[in-house]
Protein backbone atom coordinates (compact mmCIF):
# COMPACT_ATOMS: atom_id res chain seq x y z
CA UNK A 1 9.30 0.88 6.02
CA UNK A 2 8.73 3.67 7.91
CA UNK A 3 10.62 7.11 7.65
CA UNK A 4 12.15 7.30 11.30
CA UNK A 5 14.08 3.53 10.12
CA UNK A 6 14.93 5.33 6.91
CA UNK A 7 16.70 8.05 8.20
CA UNK A 8 18.99 6.08 10.28
CA UNK A 9 20.41 4.60 6.95
CA UNK A 10 23.26 6.09 5.15
CA UNK A 11 22.64 7.39 1.20
CA UNK A 12 24.23 4.60 -0.41
CA UNK A 13 21.80 2.23 1.52
CA UNK A 14 19.05 4.61 0.60
CA UNK A 15 19.74 4.62 -2.72
CA UNK A 16 20.37 0.64 -2.84
CA UNK A 17 16.76 0.41 -1.36
CA UNK A 18 15.23 2.77 -4.06
CA UNK A 19 16.64 0.29 -6.86
CA UNK A 20 15.42 -2.75 -5.40
CA UNK A 21 11.89 -1.26 -4.72
CA UNK A 22 11.79 -0.07 -8.14
CA UNK A 23 13.05 -3.52 -9.63
CA UNK A 24 9.88 -4.74 -7.36
CA UNK A 25 7.40 -2.98 -8.90
CA UNK A 26 8.89 -3.72 -12.54
CA UNK A 27 8.81 -7.60 -11.35
CA UNK A 28 5.41 -6.73 -9.96
CA UNK A 29 3.89 -5.39 -13.24
CA UNK A 30 5.10 -8.79 -15.39
CA UNK A 31 3.36 -10.98 -12.45
CA UNK A 32 0.10 -8.66 -13.07
CA UNK A 33 0.31 -8.94 -16.56
CA UNK A 34 0.72 -12.71 -16.64
CA UNK A 35 -2.03 -13.33 -13.95
CA UNK A 36 0.48 -14.53 -11.24
CA UNK A 37 0.51 -11.79 -8.56
CA UNK A 38 0.26 -13.05 -4.92
CA UNK A 39 0.10 -9.79 -3.60
CA UNK A 40 -1.94 -6.85 -5.47
CA UNK A 41 -1.07 -4.31 -1.73
CA UNK A 42 2.63 -4.86 -3.05
CA UNK A 43 2.92 -2.65 -5.48
CA UNK A 44 1.29 0.35 -3.35
CA UNK A 45 3.45 -0.79 -0.49
CA UNK A 46 6.47 -0.41 -2.92
CA UNK A 47 5.35 3.25 -4.46
CA UNK A 48 5.28 4.83 -1.11
CA UNK A 49 8.48 3.50 0.18
CA UNK A 50 9.79 5.32 -3.11
CA UNK A 51 8.54 8.16 -2.01
CA UNK A 52 9.58 8.07 1.40
CA UNK A 53 13.38 7.25 0.28
CA UNK A 54 13.04 10.33 -2.47
CA UNK A 55 11.53 12.90 0.24
CA UNK A 56 14.38 11.94 2.83
CA UNK A 57 17.19 11.93 0.13
CA UNK A 58 15.91 14.89 -1.08
CA UNK A 59 16.11 16.47 2.54
CA UNK A 60 19.37 15.76 2.96
CA UNK A 61 20.49 17.32 0.23
CA UNK A 62 18.60 20.63 1.09
CA UNK A 63 20.01 20.50 4.56
CA UNK A 64 23.99 20.00 2.87
CA UNK A 65 22.95 23.04 0.15
CA UNK A 66 21.88 25.30 3.83
CA UNK A 67 24.73 24.13 5.46
CA UNK A 68 26.83 25.63 3.23
CA UNK A 69 25.22 28.54 1.51
CA UNK A 70 25.30 29.64 5.71
CA UNK A 71 29.26 28.93 6.04
């Protein structure tokens, strides 16, 4: 998912997506261990999605902290 699309989502939706991506990685690792991997690229995409989501959450936290210190 693109960062622009992620920025439009609420924090709750981002947290839910983060949980889903982490679950996807766990499932992928099980499939890899059993040799039933459908798409190897899926793990890389999930890791990048996790990084994007965490970055956006952190940006929002930093912006909120900056607003409270300026007030």
